Protein backbone atom coordinates (compact mmCIF):
# COMPACT_ATOMS: atom_id res chain seq x y z
CA MET A 1 3.16 -1.56 -22.49
CA THR A 2 6.36 -1.78 -20.48
CA ASP A 3 9.39 -3.90 -21.40
CA ARG A 4 8.51 -7.34 -20.01
CA SER A 5 11.98 -8.43 -18.89
CA ALA A 6 12.68 -5.12 -17.16
CA HIS A 7 9.25 -5.24 -15.56
CA ILE A 8 9.85 -8.74 -14.19
CA ALA A 9 13.27 -7.70 -12.89
CA ARG A 10 11.79 -4.71 -11.04
CA ALA A 11 9.04 -6.89 -9.59
CA GLU A 12 11.56 -9.45 -8.35
CA ALA A 13 13.74 -6.70 -6.90
CA PHE A 14 10.75 -5.19 -5.11
CA ALA A 15 9.76 -8.51 -3.56
CA ALA A 16 13.34 -9.07 -2.38
CA LEU A 17 13.26 -5.78 -0.47
CA HIS A 18 10.74 -7.27 1.97
CA ASN A 19 13.25 -8.44 4.53
CA SER A 20 12.58 -8.68 8.25
CA GLN A 21 16.29 -8.13 8.94
CA ASN A 22 16.23 -4.83 7.08
CA PRO A 23 12.62 -3.70 6.49
CA LEU A 24 11.62 -1.80 3.39
CA VAL A 25 10.63 1.77 4.29
CA LEU A 26 8.16 3.47 1.97
CA VAL A 27 7.58 7.23 2.05
CA ASN A 28 4.26 7.21 0.23
CA VAL A 29 3.90 9.53 -2.77
CA TRP A 30 0.96 11.09 -4.60
CA ASP A 31 2.21 12.37 -7.97
CA ALA A 32 5.25 12.48 -10.23
CA GLY A 33 6.80 15.43 -8.39
CA SER A 34 6.60 13.82 -4.96
CA ALA A 35 7.85 10.53 -6.44
CA GLN A 36 10.89 12.25 -7.92
CA ALA A 37 11.68 13.98 -4.61
CA VAL A 38 11.46 10.74 -2.64
CA ALA A 39 13.51 8.90 -5.26
CA ARG A 40 16.23 11.58 -5.11
CA ALA A 41 16.29 11.18 -1.32
CA GLY A 42 17.40 7.58 -1.77
CA ALA A 43 14.24 5.48 -1.93
CA LYS A 44 14.71 1.86 -2.93
CA ALA A 45 11.09 1.67 -4.06
CA LEU A 46 8.02 3.87 -4.27
CA ALA A 47 4.41 3.40 -3.24
CA THR A 48 1.37 5.59 -3.62
CA GLY A 49 -1.13 6.18 -0.82
CA SER A 50 -4.79 6.35 -1.82
CA ASP A 51 -5.73 9.17 0.55
CA SER A 52 -2.80 11.35 -0.47
CA LEU A 53 -3.12 10.73 -4.18
CA ALA A 54 -6.85 11.36 -4.22
CA LYS A 55 -6.66 14.56 -2.17
CA ALA A 56 -3.77 15.90 -4.24
CA GLN A 57 -6.12 15.71 -7.24
CA GLY A 58 -9.06 17.26 -5.35
CA PHE A 59 -10.95 14.05 -4.51
CA ASP A 60 -11.84 12.36 -1.25
CA ASP A 61 -10.38 8.99 -0.37
CA GLY A 62 -12.58 5.93 -0.80
CA GLU A 63 -12.45 5.29 -4.57
CA GLU A 64 -13.83 8.75 -5.37
CA ILE A 65 -11.12 9.30 -7.98
CA ALA A 66 -11.87 7.85 -11.41
CA LEU A 67 -9.82 4.76 -12.19
CA SER A 68 -8.68 6.31 -15.48
CA TYR A 69 -7.48 9.42 -13.65
CA LEU A 70 -5.59 7.29 -11.12
CA LEU A 71 -3.96 5.36 -13.96
CA HIS A 72 -2.85 8.62 -15.59
CA VAL A 73 -1.15 9.77 -12.37
CA VAL A 74 0.53 6.37 -11.99
CA GLU A 75 1.76 6.47 -15.59
CA ARG A 76 3.35 9.88 -14.97
CA ILE A 77 5.15 8.51 -11.90
CA LEU A 78 6.42 5.55 -13.90
CA ALA A 79 7.56 7.82 -16.72
CA THR A 80 9.64 10.05 -14.44
CA THR A 81 11.29 7.60 -12.00
CA ASP A 82 13.12 4.30 -12.25
CA CYS A 83 12.16 2.94 -8.83
CA PRO A 84 9.86 -0.07 -8.55
CA LEU A 85 6.33 1.22 -7.92
CA SER A 86 3.51 -0.24 -5.84
CA VAL A 87 0.05 1.32 -6.09
CA ASP A 88 -2.66 1.57 -3.46
CA LEU A 89 -5.75 0.39 -5.33
CA GLU A 90 -7.99 0.45 -2.24
CA SER A 91 -10.58 -2.31 -2.71
CA GLY A 92 -9.94 -2.73 -6.41
CA PHE A 93 -12.73 -0.33 -7.49
CA ALA A 94 -15.08 -3.29 -7.76
CA ARG A 95 -16.57 -6.05 -5.66
CA GLN A 96 -16.52 -9.04 -8.01
CA PRO A 97 -13.18 -10.85 -8.44
CA ASP A 98 -13.17 -10.69 -12.24
CA ARG A 99 -13.88 -6.97 -12.23
CA VAL A 100 -11.09 -6.35 -9.72
CA ALA A 101 -8.63 -8.20 -11.98
CA GLN A 102 -9.91 -6.28 -14.99
CA ASN A 103 -9.42 -2.96 -13.17
CA VAL A 104 -5.90 -3.79 -12.02
CA ARG A 105 -4.60 -5.18 -15.30
CA PRO A 106 -3.89 -1.78 -16.97
CA PHE A 107 -1.73 -0.78 -14.00
CA VAL A 108 0.35 -3.93 -14.38
CA GLU A 109 0.57 -3.33 -18.13
CA ALA A 110 1.87 0.16 -17.37
CA GLY A 111 4.72 -1.25 -15.26
CA VAL A 112 3.46 -1.38 -11.68
CA VAL A 113 5.13 -4.17 -9.66
CA GLY A 114 2.90 -4.25 -6.58
CA LEU A 115 -0.44 -3.21 -5.20
CA ASN A 116 -2.41 -2.91 -2.00
CA LEU A 117 -5.83 -4.55 -1.90
CA GLU A 118 -7.93 -3.97 1.21
CA ASP A 119 -10.64 -6.19 2.61
CA GLN A 120 -13.24 -3.59 3.52
CA VAL A 121 -16.25 -2.86 1.35
CA ILE A 122 -15.67 0.77 0.46
CA GLY A 123 -18.32 3.13 1.80
CA GLN A 124 -20.22 0.46 3.73
CA GLY A 125 -18.15 0.11 6.87
CA VAL A 126 -18.10 -3.68 6.66
CA MET A 127 -15.51 -6.28 5.75
CA PHE A 128 -15.46 -8.78 2.94
CA SER A 129 -15.71 -12.30 4.29
CA VAL A 130 -12.50 -14.30 4.24
CA SER A 131 -13.76 -16.36 1.30
CA GLU A 132 -14.86 -13.28 -0.67
CA GLN A 133 -11.53 -11.52 -0.23
CA SER A 134 -9.61 -14.69 -0.99
CA ALA A 135 -11.48 -15.04 -4.28
CA ARG A 136 -10.56 -11.46 -5.18
CA ILE A 137 -6.89 -12.14 -4.44
CA GLU A 138 -7.02 -15.37 -6.45
CA ALA A 139 -8.33 -13.44 -9.44
CA LEU A 140 -5.48 -10.95 -9.19
CA ARG A 141 -2.89 -13.69 -8.94
CA ALA A 142 -4.35 -15.49 -11.94
CA MET A 143 -4.26 -12.25 -13.95
CA ALA A 144 -0.64 -11.59 -12.98
CA LYS A 145 0.39 -15.15 -13.87
CA ASP A 146 -1.32 -14.78 -17.22
CA MET A 147 0.78 -11.68 -17.82
CA GLY A 148 3.95 -13.39 -16.60
CA VAL A 149 4.58 -10.79 -13.90
CA PRO A 150 5.39 -11.74 -10.27
CA LEU A 151 3.08 -9.04 -8.94
CA PHE A 152 3.47 -8.27 -5.23
CA ILE A 153 -0.06 -8.43 -3.84
CA ASN A 154 -0.03 -6.70 -0.46
CA ALA A 155 -3.21 -7.95 1.21
CA ARG A 156 -4.40 -5.24 3.56
CA THR A 157 -6.77 -6.02 6.39
CA ASP A 158 -8.83 -3.21 7.87
CA LEU A 159 -9.66 -5.13 11.05
CA PHE A 160 -7.62 -2.78 13.20
CA LEU A 161 -8.58 0.42 11.38
CA GLN A 162 -12.24 -0.34 12.03
CA GLN A 163 -11.59 -0.66 15.76
CA PRO A 164 -10.48 2.82 16.91
CA ASP A 165 -9.69 1.65 20.45
CA PRO A 166 -6.17 0.14 20.40
CA SER A 167 -6.81 -1.57 23.73
CA LYS A 168 -9.25 -3.87 21.90
CA HIS A 169 -6.89 -4.87 19.10
CA GLY A 170 -5.77 -7.98 20.95
CA VAL A 171 -9.11 -9.69 20.42
CA LEU A 172 -8.73 -9.22 16.67
CA ILE A 173 -5.40 -11.03 16.32
CA ASP A 174 -6.90 -14.49 15.79
CA ASP A 175 -9.12 -13.10 13.02
CA ALA A 176 -6.08 -11.42 11.45
CA ILE A 177 -4.12 -14.68 11.58
CA GLU A 178 -6.99 -16.50 9.87
CA ARG A 179 -7.17 -13.88 7.15
CA ALA A 180 -3.41 -13.88 6.60
CA ALA A 181 -3.40 -17.66 6.14
CA ALA A 182 -6.31 -17.57 3.70
CA TYR A 183 -4.90 -14.65 1.74
CA ARG A 184 -1.53 -16.38 1.44
CA GLU A 185 -3.24 -19.50 0.12
CA ALA A 186 -5.08 -17.33 -2.40
CA GLY A 187 -1.83 -15.85 -3.70
CA ALA A 188 -1.04 -12.82 -1.53
CA SER A 189 2.61 -11.78 -1.23
CA GLY A 190 2.38 -9.69 1.93
CA PHE A 191 0.01 -8.78 4.77
CA PHE A 192 -0.67 -5.14 5.71
CA VAL A 193 -2.11 -4.19 9.11
CA PRO A 194 -2.64 -0.40 9.27
CA ALA A 195 -3.48 0.91 12.76
CA LEU A 196 -1.87 -2.03 14.54
CA THR A 197 0.97 -0.47 16.54
CA ASP A 198 1.25 -2.47 19.78
CA PRO A 199 4.69 -4.12 19.63
CA HIS A 200 3.56 -7.23 21.49
CA LEU A 201 0.63 -7.77 19.13
CA VAL A 202 2.80 -7.13 16.08
CA GLU A 203 5.35 -9.67 17.29
CA ARG A 204 2.58 -12.17 17.99
CA LEU A 205 1.18 -11.72 14.52
CA VAL A 206 4.57 -12.05 12.85
CA SER A 207 5.23 -15.33 14.64
CA ALA A 208 1.89 -16.77 13.52
CA ILE A 209 1.80 -15.91 9.81
CA SER A 210 3.84 -16.87 6.76
CA LEU A 211 3.71 -13.57 4.89
CA PRO A 212 5.96 -10.51 5.18
CA LEU A 213 4.23 -8.09 7.56
CA ASN A 214 3.65 -4.44 6.65
CA VAL A 215 2.90 -1.84 9.35
CA MET A 216 2.10 1.86 9.02
CA VAL A 217 4.18 4.38 10.96
CA MET A 218 3.03 7.97 10.53
CA THR A 219 5.96 9.78 12.15
CA PRO A 220 8.95 11.56 10.57
CA HIS A 221 11.36 9.35 12.52
CA VAL A 222 11.12 5.60 11.91
CA ASP A 223 13.09 3.27 14.19
CA THR A 224 13.64 0.65 11.52
CA GLN A 225 15.69 -1.65 13.71
CA ALA A 226 13.07 -1.68 16.46
CA TRP A 227 10.50 -2.87 13.93
CA ALA A 228 13.00 -5.35 12.51
CA ARG A 229 13.41 -6.88 15.96
CA LEU A 230 9.65 -7.54 15.91
CA GLY A 231 9.95 -9.25 12.52
CA VAL A 232 8.34 -6.53 10.39
CA SER A 233 9.36 -6.55 6.71
CA ARG A 234 7.78 -3.34 5.41
CA ILE A 235 7.01 0.05 6.93
CA SER A 236 4.65 2.49 5.20
CA GLN A 237 4.10 6.15 5.99
CA GLY A 238 0.56 6.34 4.60
CA PRO A 239 -0.84 9.88 4.35
CA ALA A 240 1.70 11.38 6.78
CA PRO A 241 4.12 12.83 4.15
CA TYR A 242 1.29 14.47 2.21
CA ARG A 243 -0.21 15.98 5.35
CA ARG A 244 3.20 17.29 6.39
CA MET A 245 3.87 18.84 3.00
CA MET A 246 0.45 20.46 2.78
CA GLY A 247 0.85 21.85 6.30
CA ASP A 248 4.24 23.29 5.38
CA LEU A 249 2.84 24.80 2.18
CA GLU A 250 -0.06 26.41 4.01
CA ALA A 251 2.29 27.86 6.64
CA TYR A 252 4.60 29.14 3.91
CA ALA A 253 1.72 30.83 2.08
CA GLN A 254 0.41 32.35 5.31
CA GLY A 255 3.83 33.88 5.91
CA ILE A 256 3.93 35.34 2.40
CA PHE A 257 0.45 36.81 2.73
CA ALA A 258 1.19 38.20 6.17
CA ASP A 259 4.32 39.91 4.90
CA SER A 260 2.47 41.43 1.95
CA ALA A 261 -0.53 42.64 3.96
């Protein structure tokens, strides 16, 4: 169990970093070592990415990793860094609201200050209805209030991820606006739209919702001010850092083996 006052202070500090004038940039991590490296580089906060963390432990993404194993990795990150930590908990490893809250509670007890909760039904290729997802968020907010922690619930919508053709993302904006409004009412702290990259659509979404907007930018150079001009408050790197590091490691090993052949 973490120190409650310090935990609350970290959670409040993390929430305050979501600023559309100076967006929070998160280089997503997957274990204690990567977390320490990113923290040393000057990170204001840390966030795990589900794909990276799972694959670093030999699992596929999509809640294949055991929840207890995920918690162990998160505890090691918390034990070795002082940065506020948000955890990607995919769809909460359950469908029912009470089970989602039950699954998330140990992570909050460990000291996590934020989480991502997505609105797709893992492995089925369909979305939770707005009312279903709202009930899941409500359960998380109730759990966090019971614990006295201002948990940052980053409500992720997979609307845009499930439509691989970016030219068709415009027709999804109204649905995204509806979901953002409902999720905010349910207790969400932020709204995450991975795969939405069109600046005009991002700006339109920002102007229509009341939650800090989180986008995903999977490039090594992030034009923070350009995103700030659109009103974005948070920029995530997703699996990009892990993929880059694994590519570099493989190339390094190939060079060693080639030299020793």
